């Protein structure tokens, strides 16, 4: 019974894995998620983290036409050889020249020589400048029979430079993963510079009042006694600067 039970469990797990949709995500963004967040996403998707070196965005492309034109050199050569051979035999002492037989020999020679003809080849070389997920730039050459190239700004798989099925892969961050694949997630509100400026403006009058009060307190008049001289009226700062005694 145990082998049957184990087989049933394996089949159940395989069926569950096949029922999940494959989700290719940026490895850098995936590792920035919390463990609970990764577990939540893996319960609903078959996650495949992709290294930043295996995808990138095209920032420039260049192309050259490397096509090869075909020719009928083999047919022409075969017809010429057959014509020369027939004429050579026809004008011998026992020969007999016939225009129809000459034409037939030329046609047969052209058919046999057609095996040496070169068929045209349509071929294009594209050089792509690709910026990977971490900002590095690399060049990739692609040979294709299709004259159309990938446009700038498209997200591609590397090193084959094929179209990425998930175009969000190149710009994916941990915040994008949370907002896209975690139900009910809301991003944290950012404190704007304008609100900070309002708080600073509101606080500035109070600071100014405190500065004015301390300035008025320091400049208030006091009785200042210097040595054996009679007390005189002076500012607190001036009295302290001449080492006088302030009489309260």
C-alpha atoms as a PDB file:
ATOM      1  CA  UNK A   1       0.000   0.000   0.000  1.00  0.00           C
ATOM      2  CA  UNK A   2       2.837   2.406   0.737  1.00  0.00           C
ATOM      3  CA  UNK A   3       4.152   2.543  -2.865  1.00  0.00           C
ATOM      4  CA  UNK A   4       0.629   3.270  -4.103  1.00  0.00           C
ATOM      5  CA  UNK A   5       0.197   6.042  -1.490  1.00  0.00           C
ATOM      6  CA  UNK A   6       3.532   7.631  -2.376  1.00  0.00           C
ATOM      7  CA  UNK A   7       2.672   7.464  -6.068  1.00  0.00           C
ATOM      8  CA  UNK A   8      -0.652   9.172  -5.392  1.00  0.00           C
ATOM      9  CA  UNK A   9       1.057  11.968  -3.447  1.00  0.00           C
ATOM     10  CA  UNK A  10       3.614  12.514  -6.225  1.00  0.00           C
ATOM     11  CA  UNK A  11       0.877  12.621  -8.865  1.00  0.00           C
ATOM     12  CA  UNK A  12      -1.127  15.086  -6.772  1.00  0.00           C
ATOM     13  CA  UNK A  13       1.862  17.367  -6.309  1.00  0.00           C
ATOM     14  CA  UNK A  14       2.698  17.156 -10.019  1.00  0.00           C
ATOM     15  CA  UNK A  15      -0.864  18.029 -10.982  1.00  0.00           C
ATOM     16  CA  UNK A  16      -0.850  20.994  -8.593  1.00  0.00           C
ATOM     17  CA  UNK A  17       2.446  22.258  -9.998  1.00  0.00           C
ATOM     18  CA  UNK A  18       1.161  21.933 -13.552  1.00  0.00           C
ATOM     19  CA  UNK A  19      -2.017  23.823 -12.650  1.00  0.00           C
ATOM     20  CA  UNK A  20       0.031  26.846 -11.539  1.00  0.00           C
ATOM     21  CA  UNK A  21       1.020  29.433 -14.086  1.00  0.00           C
ATOM     22  CA  UNK A  22       4.731  30.008 -14.632  1.00  0.00           C
ATOM     23  CA  UNK A  23       5.838  33.425 -13.386  1.00  0.00           C
ATOM     24  CA  UNK A  24       9.294  34.655 -14.437  1.00  0.00           C
ATOM     25  CA  UNK A  25      10.453  37.444 -12.129  1.00  0.00           C
ATOM     26  CA  UNK A  26      13.607  39.476 -11.634  1.00  0.00           C
ATOM     27  CA  UNK A  27      15.880  37.703  -9.149  1.00  0.00           C
ATOM     28  CA  UNK A  28      16.999  41.029  -7.611  1.00  0.00           C
ATOM     29  CA  UNK A  29      13.387  42.117  -7.020  1.00  0.00           C
ATOM     30  CA  UNK A  30      12.392  38.659  -5.732  1.00  0.00           C
ATOM     31  CA  UNK A  31      15.119  38.544  -3.074  1.00  0.00           C
ATOM     32  CA  UNK A  32      13.983  41.935  -1.719  1.00  0.00           C
ATOM     33  CA  UNK A  33      10.563  40.528  -0.774  1.00  0.00           C
ATOM     34  CA  UNK A  34       9.883  39.316   2.758  1.00  0.00           C
ATOM     35  CA  UNK A  35       9.762  35.510   3.265  1.00  0.00           C
ATOM     36  CA  UNK A  36       6.011  35.613   3.930  1.00  0.00           C
ATOM     37  CA  UNK A  37       5.449  37.597   0.745  1.00  0.00           C
ATOM     38  CA  UNK A  38       7.421  35.105  -1.337  1.00  0.00           C
ATOM     39  CA  UNK A  39       5.470  32.220   0.198  1.00  0.00           C
ATOM     40  CA  UNK A  40       2.156  33.914  -0.611  1.00  0.00           C
ATOM     41  CA  UNK A  41       3.102  34.372  -4.271  1.00  0.00           C
ATOM     42  CA  UNK A  42       4.495  30.816  -4.587  1.00  0.00           C
ATOM     43  CA  UNK A  43       1.179  29.411  -3.395  1.00  0.00           C
ATOM     44  CA  UNK A  44      -0.469  30.773  -6.545  1.00  0.00           C
ATOM     45  CA  UNK A  45       2.367  30.756  -9.107  1.00  0.00           C
ATOM     46  CA  UNK A  46       5.273  28.588 -10.165  1.00  0.00           C
ATOM     47  CA  UNK A  47       7.966  31.242  -9.664  1.00  0.00           C
ATOM     48  CA  UNK A  48      11.163  31.255 -11.737  1.00  0.00           C
ATOM     49  CA  UNK A  49      13.641  33.943 -10.576  1.00  0.00           C
ATOM     50  CA  UNK A  50      15.732  35.157 -13.524  1.00  0.00           C
ATOM     51  CA  UNK A  51      19.231  36.557 -13.095  1.00  0.00           C
ATOM     52  CA  UNK A  52      19.717  40.155 -14.239  1.00  0.00           C
ATOM     53  CA  UNK A  53      22.362  38.955 -16.713  1.00  0.00           C
ATOM     54  CA  UNK A  54      19.751  36.921 -18.625  1.00  0.00           C
ATOM     55  CA  UNK A  55      17.452  39.767 -19.653  1.00  0.00           C
ATOM     56  CA  UNK A  56      17.777  43.385 -20.692  1.00  0.00           C
ATOM     57  CA  UNK A  57      16.313  46.323 -22.587  1.00  0.00           C
ATOM     58  CA  UNK A  58      17.430  47.243 -26.108  1.00  0.00           C
ATOM     59  CA  UNK A  59      18.878  50.764 -26.169  1.00  0.00           C
ATOM     60  CA  UNK A  60      20.279  50.736 -29.727  1.00  0.00           C
ATOM     61  CA  UNK A  61      20.213  48.550 -32.845  1.00  0.00           C
ATOM     62  CA  UNK A  62      22.072  48.463 -36.153  1.00  0.00           C
ATOM     63  CA  UNK A  63      21.643  46.209 -39.176  1.00  0.00           C
ATOM     64  CA  UNK A  64      23.459  45.087 -42.330  1.00  0.00           C
ATOM     65  CA  UNK A  65      22.115  43.221 -45.351  1.00  0.00           C
ATOM     66  CA  UNK A  66      24.289  40.117 -45.720  1.00  0.00           C
ATOM     67  CA  UNK A  67      22.146  38.523 -48.447  1.00  0.00           C
ATOM     68  CA  UNK A  68      23.855  36.574 -51.263  1.00  0.00           C
ATOM     69  CA  UNK A  69      22.534  36.891 -54.807  1.00  0.00           C
ATOM     70  CA  UNK A  70      21.947  33.714 -56.809  1.00  0.00           C
ATOM     71  CA  UNK A  71      23.340  32.966 -60.297  1.00  0.00           C
ATOM     72  CA  UNK A  72      22.915  30.570 -63.234  1.00  0.00           C
ATOM     73  CA  UNK A  73      26.620  30.028 -63.846  1.00  0.00           C
ATOM     74  CA  UNK A  74      26.234  26.243 -63.765  1.00  0.00           C
ATOM     75  CA  UNK A  75      23.527  26.184 -66.431  1.00  0.00           C
ATOM     76  CA  UNK A  76      25.483  28.533 -68.697  1.00  0.00           C
ATOM     77  CA  UNK A  77      28.663  26.526 -68.323  1.00  0.00           C
ATOM     78  CA  UNK A  78      26.871  23.217 -68.994  1.00  0.00           C
ATOM     79  CA  UNK A  79      25.191  24.583 -72.106  1.00  0.00           C
ATOM     80  CA  UNK A  80      28.478  25.975 -73.448  1.00  0.00           C
ATOM     81  CA  UNK A  81      30.350  22.700 -72.952  1.00  0.00           C
ATOM     82  CA  UNK A  82      27.543  20.685 -74.607  1.00  0.00           C
ATOM     83  CA  UNK A  83      27.442  23.094 -77.567  1.00  0.00           C
ATOM     84  CA  UNK A  84      31.206  22.915 -78.096  1.00  0.00           C
ATOM     85  CA  UNK A  85      31.199  19.107 -77.864  1.00  0.00           C
ATOM     86  CA  UNK A  86      28.360  18.754 -80.393  1.00  0.00           C
ATOM     87  CA  UNK A  87      29.955  21.141 -82.919  1.00  0.00           C
ATOM     88  CA  UNK A  88      33.292  19.409 -82.542  1.00  0.00           C
ATOM     89  CA  UNK A  89      31.702  16.045 -83.405  1.00  0.00           C
ATOM     90  CA  UNK A  90      29.407  17.409 -86.113  1.00  0.00           C
ATOM     91  CA  UNK A  91      32.174  18.864 -88.318  1.00  0.00           C
ATOM     92  CA  UNK A  92      34.320  15.748 -88.383  1.00  0.00           C
ATOM     93  CA  UNK A  93      34.572  13.856 -91.711  1.00  0.00           C
ATOM     94  CA  UNK A  94      31.788  11.445 -90.833  1.00  0.00           C
ATOM     95  CA  UNK A  95      29.779  13.968 -88.862  1.00  0.00           C
ATOM     96  CA  UNK A  96      26.467  15.572 -89.729  1.00  0.00           C
ATOM     97  CA  UNK A  97      25.443  18.945 -88.258  1.00  0.00           C
ATOM     98  CA  UNK A  98      21.810  19.482 -87.276  1.00  0.00           C
ATOM     99  CA  UNK A  99      20.456  22.671 -85.715  1.00  0.00           C
ATOM    100  CA  UNK A 100      17.801  20.734 -83.780  1.00  0.00           C
ATOM    101  CA  UNK A 101      20.336  18.289 -82.385  1.00  0.00           C
ATOM    102  CA  UNK A 102      22.633  21.202 -81.527  1.00  0.00           C
ATOM    103  CA  UNK A 103      19.832  22.940 -79.609  1.00  0.00           C
ATOM    104  CA  UNK A 104      18.921  19.704 -77.820  1.00  0.00           C
ATOM    105  CA  UNK A 105      22.551  19.234 -76.738  1.00  0.00           C
ATOM    106  CA  UNK A 106      22.682  22.784 -75.393  1.00  0.00           C
ATOM    107  CA  UNK A 107      19.455  22.263 -73.398  1.00  0.00           C
ATOM    108  CA  UNK A 108      20.655  18.947 -71.948  1.00  0.00           C
ATOM    109  CA  UNK A 109      23.982  20.500 -70.995  1.00  0.00           C
ATOM    110  CA  UNK A 110      22.196  23.427 -69.309  1.00  0.00           C
ATOM    111  CA  UNK A 111      20.003  21.050 -67.276  1.00  0.00           C
ATOM    112  CA  UNK A 112      22.993  19.022 -66.130  1.00  0.00           C
ATOM    113  CA  UNK A 113      24.942  22.178 -65.252  1.00  0.00           C
ATOM    114  CA  UNK A 114      22.036  23.622 -63.236  1.00  0.00           C
ATOM    115  CA  UNK A 115      23.207  21.500 -60.299  1.00  0.00           C
ATOM    116  CA  UNK A 116      26.077  23.988 -59.958  1.00  0.00           C
ATOM    117  CA  UNK A 117      23.807  27.041 -59.874  1.00  0.00           C
ATOM    118  CA  UNK A 118      23.821  29.065 -56.612  1.00  0.00           C
ATOM    119  CA  UNK A 119      20.467  29.850 -55.058  1.00  0.00           C
ATOM    120  CA  UNK A 120      19.924  33.318 -53.514  1.00  0.00           C
ATOM    121  CA  UNK A 121      20.331  33.534 -49.713  1.00  0.00           C
ATOM    122  CA  UNK A 122      18.392  36.108 -47.665  1.00  0.00           C
ATOM    123  CA  UNK A 123      20.450  36.979 -44.578  1.00  0.00           C
ATOM    124  CA  UNK A 124      20.651  39.980 -42.249  1.00  0.00           C
ATOM    125  CA  UNK A 125      22.999  40.824 -39.385  1.00  0.00           C
ATOM    126  CA  UNK A 126      21.721  42.894 -36.450  1.00  0.00           C
ATOM    127  CA  UNK A 127      23.849  44.265 -33.634  1.00  0.00           C
ATOM    128  CA  UNK A 128      21.935  45.105 -30.472  1.00  0.00           C
ATOM    129  CA  UNK A 129      23.130  47.215 -27.543  1.00  0.00           C
ATOM    130  CA  UNK A 130      21.336  45.804 -24.496  1.00  0.00           C
ATOM    131  CA  UNK A 131      21.221  47.229 -20.962  1.00  0.00           C
ATOM    132  CA  UNK A 132      20.797  44.424 -18.429  1.00  0.00           C
ATOM    133  CA  UNK A 133      18.851  44.476 -15.172  1.00  0.00           C
ATOM    134  CA  UNK A 134      21.746  46.018 -13.218  1.00  0.00           C
ATOM    135  CA  UNK A 135      22.592  48.771 -15.703  1.00  0.00           C
ATOM    136  CA  UNK A 136      25.455  47.083 -17.579  1.00  0.00           C
ATOM    137  CA  UNK A 137      25.552  47.396 -21.388  1.00  0.00           C
ATOM    138  CA  UNK A 138      26.595  44.584 -23.745  1.00  0.00           C
ATOM    139  CA  UNK A 139      26.503  44.014 -27.517  1.00  0.00           C
ATOM    140  CA  UNK A 140      24.903  40.995 -29.178  1.00  0.00           C
ATOM    141  CA  UNK A 141      25.066  40.001 -32.874  1.00  0.00           C
ATOM    142  CA  UNK A 142      22.102  38.150 -34.380  1.00  0.00           C
ATOM    143  CA  UNK A 143      21.941  36.588 -37.867  1.00  0.00           C
ATOM    144  CA  UNK A 144      18.398  36.355 -39.204  1.00  0.00           C
ATOM    145  CA  UNK A 145      16.541  35.708 -42.459  1.00  0.00           C
ATOM    146  CA  UNK A 146      13.875  38.176 -41.351  1.00  0.00           C
ATOM    147  CA  UNK A 147      14.642  41.774 -42.383  1.00  0.00           C
ATOM    148  CA  UNK A 148      12.735  43.196 -39.407  1.00  0.00           C
ATOM    149  CA  UNK A 149      14.598  43.819 -36.146  1.00  0.00           C
ATOM    150  CA  UNK A 150      13.546  44.339 -32.518  1.00  0.00           C
ATOM    151  CA  UNK A 151      12.769  47.997 -31.736  1.00  0.00           C
ATOM    152  CA  UNK A 152      14.542  50.112 -29.118  1.00  0.00           C
ATOM    153  CA  UNK A 153      13.004  49.855 -25.648  1.00  0.00           C
ATOM    154  CA  UNK A 154      11.838  46.251 -25.937  1.00  0.00           C
ATOM    155  CA  UNK A 155      12.693  43.743 -23.184  1.00  0.00           C
ATOM    156  CA  UNK A 156      14.541  40.654 -24.476  1.00  0.00           C
ATOM    157  CA  UNK A 157      16.003  37.412 -23.205  1.00  0.00           C
ATOM    158  CA  UNK A 158      19.787  37.117 -23.295  1.00  0.00           C
ATOM    159  CA  UNK A 159      22.015  35.997 -24.911  1.00  0.00           C
ATOM    160  CA  UNK A 160      19.624  34.903 -27.693  1.00  0.00           C
ATOM    161  CA  UNK A 161      17.995  38.384 -27.913  1.00  0.00           C
ATOM    162  CA  UNK A 162      14.495  36.911 -28.156  1.00  0.00           C
ATOM    163  CA  UNK A 163      11.343  38.734 -27.110  1.00  0.00           C
ATOM    164  CA  UNK A 164      10.657  38.412 -23.359  1.00  0.00           C
ATOM    165  CA  UNK A 165       7.165  37.102 -22.706  1.00  0.00           C
ATOM    166  CA  UNK A 166       6.842  39.305 -19.616  1.00  0.00           C
ATOM    167  CA  UNK A 167       7.778  42.828 -20.731  1.00  0.00           C
ATOM    168  CA  UNK A 168       7.675  44.042 -17.096  1.00  0.00           C
ATOM    169  CA  UNK A 169      10.754  41.934 -16.340  1.00  0.00           C
ATOM    170  CA  UNK A 170      13.228  44.693 -17.267  1.00  0.00           C
ATOM    171  CA  UNK A 171      11.655  47.303 -14.976  1.00  0.00           C
ATOM    172  CA  UNK A 172      10.479  45.008 -12.186  1.00  0.00           C
ATOM    173  CA  UNK A 173      11.042  45.994  -8.548  1.00  0.00           C
ATOM    174  CA  UNK A 174       9.980  44.523  -5.229  1.00  0.00           C
ATOM    175  CA  UNK A 175       7.278  47.207  -4.939  1.00  0.00           C
ATOM    176  CA  UNK A 176       5.869  46.253  -8.362  1.00  0.00           C
ATOM    177  CA  UNK A 177       5.786  42.574  -7.360  1.00  0.00           C
ATOM    178  CA  UNK A 178       3.894  43.417  -4.182  1.00  0.00           C
ATOM    179  CA  UNK A 179       1.314  45.637  -5.863  1.00  0.00           C
ATOM    180  CA  UNK A 180       0.798  43.185  -8.765  1.00  0.00           C
ATOM    181  CA  UNK A 181       0.813  39.750  -7.123  1.00  0.00           C
ATOM    182  CA  UNK A 182      -0.122  40.361  -3.473  1.00  0.00           C
ATOM    183  CA  UNK A 183      -3.905  40.870  -3.095  1.00  0.00           C
ATOM    184  CA  UNK A 184      -4.889  43.806  -0.897  1.00  0.00           C
ATOM    185  CA  UNK A 185      -1.393  45.303  -0.774  1.00  0.00           C
ATOM    186  CA  UNK A 186      -1.220  49.085  -0.681  1.00  0.00           C
ATOM    187  CA  UNK A 187       2.007  50.995  -1.017  1.00  0.00           C
ATOM    188  CA  UNK A 188       3.177  53.227   1.819  1.00  0.00           C
ATOM    189  CA  UNK A 189       2.275  56.908   1.355  1.00  0.00           C
ATOM    190  CA  UNK A 190       5.282  59.063   0.731  1.00  0.00           C
ATOM    191  CA  UNK A 191       5.713  62.347   2.623  1.00  0.00           C
ATOM    192  CA  UNK A 192       5.803  65.083   0.017  1.00  0.00           C
ATOM    193  CA  UNK A 193       8.250  67.943   0.110  1.00  0.00           C
ATOM    194  CA  UNK A 194       5.376  70.415   0.031  1.00  0.00           C
ATOM    195  CA  UNK A 195       3.936  69.090   3.313  1.00  0.00           C
ATOM    196  CA  UNK A 196       7.379  69.278   4.891  1.00  0.00           C
ATOM    197  CA  UNK A 197       7.687  72.836   3.701  1.00  0.00           C
ATOM    198  CA  UNK A 198       4.307  73.670   5.255  1.00  0.00           C
ATOM    199  CA  UNK A 199       5.426  72.302   8.608  1.00  0.00           C
ATOM    200  CA  UNK A 200       8.627  74.308   8.422  1.00  0.00           C
ATOM    201  CA  UNK A 201       6.683  77.464   7.553  1.00  0.00           C
ATOM    202  CA  UNK A 202       4.288  76.927  10.431  1.00  0.00           C
ATOM    203  CA  UNK A 203       7.125  76.358  12.873  1.00  0.00           C
ATOM    204  CA  UNK A 204       9.157  79.343  11.755  1.00  0.00           C
ATOM    205  CA  UNK A 205       7.059  82.060  13.524  1.00  0.00           C
ATOM    206  CA  UNK A 206       7.442  80.272  16.871  1.00  0.00           C
ATOM    207  CA  UNK A 207      11.189  80.039  16.372  1.00  0.00           C
ATOM    208  CA  UNK A 208      11.291  83.713  15.501  1.00  0.00           C
ATOM    209  CA  UNK A 209       9.371  84.643  18.683  1.00  0.00           C
ATOM    210  CA  UNK A 210      11.767  82.599  20.797  1.00  0.00           C
ATOM    211  CA  UNK A 211      14.744  84.265  19.165  1.00  0.00           C
ATOM    212  CA  UNK A 212      13.233  87.723  19.724  1.00  0.00           C
ATOM    213  CA  UNK A 213      12.506  86.918  23.391  1.00  0.00           C
ATOM    214  CA  UNK A 214      16.054  85.719  24.031  1.00  0.00           C
ATOM    215  CA  UNK A 215      17.388  88.785  22.229  1.00  0.00           C
ATOM    216  CA  UNK A 216      15.205  91.123  24.327  1.00  0.00           C
ATOM    217  CA  UNK A 217      16.169  89.311  27.508  1.00  0.00           C
ATOM    218  CA  UNK A 218      19.860  89.633  26.759  1.00  0.00           C
ATOM    219  CA  UNK A 219      19.522  93.353  25.892  1.00  0.00           C
ATOM    220  CA  UNK A 220      17.394  94.331  28.970  1.00  0.00           C
ATOM    221  CA  UNK A 221      18.755  97.025  31.297  1.00  0.00           C
ATOM    222  CA  UNK A 222      20.212  96.039  34.725  1.00  0.00           C
ATOM    223  CA  UNK A 223      22.055  97.720  37.629  1.00  0.00           C
ATOM    224  CA  UNK A 224      25.740  97.010  37.206  1.00  0.00           C
ATOM    225  CA  UNK A 225      28.287  97.556  40.051  1.00  0.00           C
ATOM    226  CA  UNK A 226      31.966  97.726  39.213  1.00  0.00           C
ATOM    227  CA  UNK A 227      34.342  97.510  42.140  1.00  0.00           C
ATOM    228  CA  UNK A 228      33.703 100.284  44.727  1.00  0.00           C
ATOM    229  CA  UNK A 229      31.889 102.514  42.239  1.00  0.00           C
ATOM    230  CA  UNK A 230      28.214 103.211  42.580  1.00  0.00           C
ATOM    231  CA  UNK A 231      25.867 100.966  40.529  1.00  0.00           C
ATOM    232  CA  UNK A 232      25.016 102.241  37.061  1.00  0.00           C
ATOM    233  CA  UNK A 233      22.339 101.249  34.551  1.00  0.00           C
ATOM    234  CA  UNK A 234      23.650  99.190  31.645  1.00  0.00           C
ATOM    235  CA  UNK A 235      22.692  96.292  29.453  1.00  0.00           C
ATOM    236  CA  UNK A 236      23.241  92.811  30.774  1.00  0.00           C
ATOM    237  CA  UNK A 237      25.676  91.983  27.963  1.00  0.00           C
ATOM    238  CA  UNK A 238      27.802  95.093  28.592  1.00  0.00           C
ATOM    239  CA  UNK A 239      27.894  94.451  32.344  1.00  0.00           C
ATOM    240  CA  UNK A 240      29.027  90.897  31.840  1.00  0.00           C
ATOM    241  CA  UNK A 241      31.652  91.954  29.295  1.00  0.00           C
ATOM    242  CA  UNK A 242      33.370  94.319  31.820  1.00  0.00           C
ATOM    243  CA  UNK A 243      33.141  91.725  34.658  1.00  0.00           C
ATOM    244  CA  UNK A 244      30.608  93.779  36.599  1.00  0.00           C
ATOM    245  CA  UNK A 245      28.247  92.502  39.274  1.00  0.00           C
ATOM    246  CA  UNK A 246      24.576  92.525  38.317  1.00  0.00           C
ATOM    247  CA  UNK A 247      22.342  93.759  41.126  1.00  0.00           C
ATOM    248  CA  UNK A 248      18.927  92.099  40.968  1.00  0.00           C
END
